[in-house]
Amino acid sequence: MSNKRTLLSFIDRINAHDVEGLAELMSDDHTFIDAHGNQVSGKKKMTAGWRAYFEWFPDYCIEVNEVFEENDALGSDEASGVVEARENGETFALFGFAGGSFKGKQSERWRLPAAWKASVKDGRVALWQVFADTKIPFEIIERNS
């Protein structure tokens, strides 16, 4: 399976709320970074994280409208102009929307523009980073806690 196909399968597993399928597609050293820079490292921890998130937002889904990919076999440091070899893999930038409803309550529904950075190496998603304004979902959680 190509790196892009792996990534698209990962997105399909998110939208299907298939935690075990997500775990199969994560690297053992998978890293998740949320919109506030909080980091979770390791497949086991992130599998638990997805399970908990889907309990809060049982209809959570993402729409990806654009995907940009870069083979990162070579990278450069713009400041120094140095080109260096990196681990074999691909980095992706994705743009679209994320949304859901807290505990399935239609009155607590949200949908926001979002972006993601992902890295796929050796057929597994090694990085999933979210960029979004989380004010509305956090306000919903707070209101319902």
C-alpha atoms as a PDB file:
ATOM      1  CA  MET A   1       0.000   0.000   0.000  1.00  0.00           C
ATOM      2  CA  SER A   2       1.356   3.452  -0.878  1.00  0.00           C
ATOM      3  CA  ASN A   3       1.958   6.015   1.861  1.00  0.00           C
ATOM      4  CA  LYS A   4      -0.929   8.119   0.565  1.00  0.00           C
ATOM      5  CA  ARG A   5      -3.239   5.084   0.545  1.00  0.00           C
ATOM      6  CA  THR A   6      -2.171   4.315   4.133  1.00  0.00           C
ATOM      7  CA  LEU A   7      -3.038   7.876   5.131  1.00  0.00           C
ATOM      8  CA  LEU A   8      -6.422   7.774   3.371  1.00  0.00           C
ATOM      9  CA  SER A   9      -7.175   4.477   5.123  1.00  0.00           C
ATOM     10  CA  PHE A  10      -6.282   6.123   8.454  1.00  0.00           C
ATOM     11  CA  ILE A  11      -8.800   8.888   7.723  1.00  0.00           C
ATOM     12  CA  ASP A  12     -11.413   6.272   6.787  1.00  0.00           C
ATOM     13  CA  ARG A  13     -10.779   4.519  10.130  1.00  0.00           C
ATOM     14  CA  ILE A  14     -11.231   7.850  11.979  1.00  0.00           C
ATOM     15  CA  ASN A  15     -14.547   8.445  10.244  1.00  0.00           C
ATOM     16  CA  ALA A  16     -15.654   4.867  10.943  1.00  0.00           C
ATOM     17  CA  HIS A  17     -14.617   5.241  14.632  1.00  0.00           C
ATOM     18  CA  ASP A  18     -12.618   2.044  14.162  1.00  0.00           C
ATOM     19  CA  VAL A  19     -10.106   2.269  17.014  1.00  0.00           C
ATOM     20  CA  GLU A  20      -8.600  -1.159  16.300  1.00  0.00           C
ATOM     21  CA  GLY A  21      -8.211  -0.231  12.628  1.00  0.00           C
ATOM     22  CA  LEU A  22      -6.478   3.001  13.643  1.00  0.00           C
ATOM     23  CA  ALA A  23      -4.124   1.038  15.897  1.00  0.00           C
ATOM     24  CA  GLU A  24      -3.217  -1.275  13.000  1.00  0.00           C
ATOM     25  CA  LEU A  25      -2.251   1.747  10.900  1.00  0.00           C
ATOM     26  CA  MET A  26      -0.202   3.509  13.624  1.00  0.00           C
ATOM     27  CA  SER A  27       3.510   2.966  14.007  1.00  0.00           C
ATOM     28  CA  ASP A  28       4.596   1.662  17.418  1.00  0.00           C
ATOM     29  CA  ASP A  29       6.216   5.055  18.090  1.00  0.00           C
ATOM     30  CA  HIS A  30       3.207   6.983  16.743  1.00  0.00           C
ATOM     31  CA  THR A  31       2.990  10.611  17.889  1.00  0.00           C
ATOM     32  CA  PHE A  32      -0.226  12.616  18.136  1.00  0.00           C
ATOM     33  CA  ILE A  33      -0.049  16.375  18.646  1.00  0.00           C
ATOM     34  CA  ASP A  34      -3.240  18.281  19.370  1.00  0.00           C
ATOM     35  CA  ALA A  35      -4.077  21.861  18.403  1.00  0.00           C
ATOM     36  CA  HIS A  36      -2.523  23.147  21.638  1.00  0.00           C
ATOM     37  CA  GLY A  37       0.790  21.353  21.171  1.00  0.00           C
ATOM     38  CA  ASN A  38       0.028  18.588  23.682  1.00  0.00           C
ATOM     39  CA  GLN A  39       1.740  15.398  22.609  1.00  0.00           C
ATOM     40  CA  VAL A  40       0.848  11.744  23.096  1.00  0.00           C
ATOM     41  CA  SER A  41       3.526   9.232  22.140  1.00  0.00           C
ATOM     42  CA  GLY A  42       3.046   5.544  21.514  1.00  0.00           C
ATOM     43  CA  LYS A  43       0.426   3.453  19.767  1.00  0.00           C
ATOM     44  CA  LYS A  44      -1.037   2.071  23.006  1.00  0.00           C
ATOM     45  CA  LYS A  45      -1.610   5.504  24.572  1.00  0.00           C
ATOM     46  CA  MET A  46      -3.072   6.940  21.385  1.00  0.00           C
ATOM     47  CA  THR A  47      -5.383   3.975  20.902  1.00  0.00           C
ATOM     48  CA  ALA A  48      -6.817   4.768  24.346  1.00  0.00           C
ATOM     49  CA  GLY A  49      -6.956   8.448  23.360  1.00  0.00           C
ATOM     50  CA  TRP A  50      -9.026   7.743  20.241  1.00  0.00           C
ATOM     51  CA  ARG A  51     -11.365   5.493  22.237  1.00  0.00           C
ATOM     52  CA  ALA A  52     -11.982   8.279  24.788  1.00  0.00           C
ATOM     53  CA  TYR A  53     -12.420  10.944  22.104  1.00  0.00           C
ATOM     54  CA  PHE A  54     -15.045   8.869  20.288  1.00  0.00           C
ATOM     55  CA  GLU A  55     -16.926   8.512  23.597  1.00  0.00           C
ATOM     56  CA  TRP A  56     -17.105  12.308  23.833  1.00  0.00           C
ATOM     57  CA  PHE A  57     -17.868  12.794  20.137  1.00  0.00           C
ATOM     58  CA  PRO A  58     -19.465   9.563  18.861  1.00  0.00           C
ATOM     59  CA  ASP A  59     -20.189  11.088  15.455  1.00  0.00           C
ATOM     60  CA  TYR A  60     -16.823  12.854  15.040  1.00  0.00           C
ATOM     61  CA  CYS A  61     -15.681  12.982  11.449  1.00  0.00           C
ATOM     62  CA  ILE A  62     -13.199  14.805   9.307  1.00  0.00           C
ATOM     63  CA  GLU A  63     -13.605  15.999   5.730  1.00  0.00           C
ATOM     64  CA  VAL A  64     -10.379  16.317   3.832  1.00  0.00           C
ATOM     65  CA  ASN A  65     -10.685  18.557   0.771  1.00  0.00           C
ATOM     66  CA  GLU A  66      -7.017  18.980  -0.135  1.00  0.00           C
ATOM     67  CA  VAL A  67      -3.940  16.822   0.349  1.00  0.00           C
ATOM     68  CA  PHE A  68      -0.386  17.950  -0.322  1.00  0.00           C
ATOM     69  CA  GLU A  69       2.457  15.495  -0.064  1.00  0.00           C
ATOM     70  CA  GLU A  70       6.199  15.764   0.110  1.00  0.00           C
ATOM     71  CA  ASN A  71       8.690  12.946  -0.041  1.00  0.00           C
ATOM     72  CA  ASP A  72      11.026  13.793   2.796  1.00  0.00           C
ATOM     73  CA  ALA A  73      13.927  11.577   1.778  1.00  0.00           C
ATOM     74  CA  LEU A  74      15.897  14.820   1.440  1.00  0.00           C
ATOM     75  CA  GLY A  75      15.349  17.920   3.499  1.00  0.00           C
ATOM     76  CA  SER A  76      17.092  21.233   3.767  1.00  0.00           C
ATOM     77  CA  ASP A  77      17.768  23.746   6.460  1.00  0.00           C
ATOM     78  CA  GLU A  78      16.806  27.040   4.817  1.00  0.00           C
ATOM     79  CA  ALA A  79      19.002  29.099   7.125  1.00  0.00           C
ATOM     80  CA  SER A  80      22.167  27.181   6.317  1.00  0.00           C
ATOM     81  CA  GLY A  81      21.240  25.790   2.915  1.00  0.00           C
ATOM     82  CA  VAL A  82      22.406  22.356   4.096  1.00  0.00           C
ATOM     83  CA  VAL A  83      20.682  19.404   2.444  1.00  0.00           C
ATOM     84  CA  GLU A  84      20.521  16.287   4.577  1.00  0.00           C
ATOM     85  CA  ALA A  85      19.142  12.782   4.217  1.00  0.00           C
ATOM     86  CA  ARG A  86      16.137  11.952   6.396  1.00  0.00           C
ATOM     87  CA  GLU A  87      14.372   8.731   7.215  1.00  0.00           C
ATOM     88  CA  ASN A  88      12.429   7.328   4.288  1.00  0.00           C
ATOM     89  CA  GLY A  89       8.831   8.471   4.430  1.00  0.00           C
ATOM     90  CA  GLU A  90       6.376  11.060   3.317  1.00  0.00           C
ATOM     91  CA  THR A  91       4.887  14.087   4.989  1.00  0.00           C
ATOM     92  CA  PHE A  92       1.375  15.227   4.160  1.00  0.00           C
ATOM     93  CA  ALA A  93      -0.551  18.450   4.755  1.00  0.00           C
ATOM     94  CA  LEU A  94      -4.322  18.045   4.752  1.00  0.00           C
ATOM     95  CA  PHE A  95      -7.018  20.714   4.789  1.00  0.00           C
ATOM     96  CA  GLY A  96     -10.744  20.497   5.393  1.00  0.00           C
ATOM     97  CA  PHE A  97     -13.211  20.374   8.256  1.00  0.00           C
ATOM     98  CA  ALA A  98     -13.736  18.488  11.507  1.00  0.00           C
ATOM     99  CA  GLY A  99     -16.954  18.154  13.408  1.00  0.00           C
ATOM    100  CA  GLY A 100     -19.176  16.165  15.665  1.00  0.00           C
ATOM    101  CA  SER A 101     -21.562  16.491  18.551  1.00  0.00           C
ATOM    102  CA  PHE A 102     -20.825  16.068  22.242  1.00  0.00           C
ATOM    103  CA  LYS A 103     -22.236  12.721  23.399  1.00  0.00           C
ATOM    104  CA  GLY A 104     -24.329  12.685  20.213  1.00  0.00           C
ATOM    105  CA  LYS A 105     -26.470  15.661  21.302  1.00  0.00           C
ATOM    106  CA  GLN A 106     -27.592  17.467  18.157  1.00  0.00           C
ATOM    107  CA  SER A 107     -27.870  20.717  20.161  1.00  0.00           C
ATOM    108  CA  GLU A 108     -24.125  20.430  20.877  1.00  0.00           C
ATOM    109  CA  ARG A 109     -22.942  20.002  17.278  1.00  0.00           C
ATOM    110  CA  TRP A 110     -19.854  21.716  15.863  1.00  0.00           C
ATOM    111  CA  ARG A 111     -18.047  21.857  12.523  1.00  0.00           C
ATOM    112  CA  LEU A 112     -14.848  23.851  12.036  1.00  0.00           C
ATOM    113  CA  PRO A 113     -12.086  24.380   9.494  1.00  0.00           C
ATOM    114  CA  ALA A 114      -9.124  22.172  10.324  1.00  0.00           C
ATOM    115  CA  ALA A 115      -5.750  21.130   9.003  1.00  0.00           C
ATOM    116  CA  TRP A 116      -3.554  18.156   9.745  1.00  0.00           C
ATOM    117  CA  LYS A 117       0.076  17.230   9.296  1.00  0.00           C
ATOM    118  CA  ALA A 118       0.803  13.545   8.919  1.00  0.00           C
ATOM    119  CA  SER A 119       3.895  11.485   8.396  1.00  0.00           C
ATOM    120  CA  VAL A 120       3.799   7.957   7.022  1.00  0.00           C
ATOM    121  CA  LYS A 121       6.811   5.665   7.299  1.00  0.00           C
ATOM    122  CA  ASP A 122       7.091   2.000   6.451  1.00  0.00           C
ATOM    123  CA  GLY A 123       3.361   1.725   5.800  1.00  0.00           C
ATOM    124  CA  ARG A 124       2.326   3.174   9.174  1.00  0.00           C
ATOM    125  CA  VAL A 125       1.190   6.619  10.320  1.00  0.00           C
ATOM    126  CA  ALA A 126       4.019   7.909  12.520  1.00  0.00           C
ATOM    127  CA  LEU A 127       2.641  11.422  13.133  1.00  0.00           C
ATOM    128  CA  TRP A 128      -0.869  12.897  13.260  1.00  0.00           C
ATOM    129  CA  GLN A 129      -0.953  16.584  14.174  1.00  0.00           C
ATOM    130  CA  VAL A 130      -4.104  18.697  14.334  1.00  0.00           C
ATOM    131  CA  PHE A 131      -4.403  22.424  13.635  1.00  0.00           C
ATOM    132  CA  ALA A 132      -7.805  23.906  14.499  1.00  0.00           C
ATOM    133  CA  ASP A 133      -9.491  26.461  16.688  1.00  0.00           C
ATOM    134  CA  THR A 134     -10.812  24.302  19.523  1.00  0.00           C
ATOM    135  CA  LYS A 135     -12.667  27.048  21.396  1.00  0.00           C
ATOM    136  CA  ILE A 136     -16.147  25.874  20.384  1.00  0.00           C
ATOM    137  CA  PRO A 137     -15.647  22.145  21.145  1.00  0.00           C
ATOM    138  CA  PHE A 138     -14.049  23.003  24.523  1.00  0.00           C
ATOM    139  CA  GLU A 139     -16.929  25.336  25.372  1.00  0.00           C
ATOM    140  CA  ILE A 140     -19.352  22.506  24.568  1.00  0.00           C
ATOM    141  CA  ILE A 141     -17.429  20.069  26.774  1.00  0.00           C
ATOM    142  CA  GLU A 142     -17.342  22.603  29.608  1.00  0.00           C
ATOM    143  CA  ARG A 143     -21.066  23.327  29.297  1.00  0.00           C
ATOM    144  CA  ASN A 144     -21.862  19.631  29.519  1.00  0.00           C
ATOM    145  CA  SER A 145     -19.482  18.643  32.307  1.00  0.00           C
END
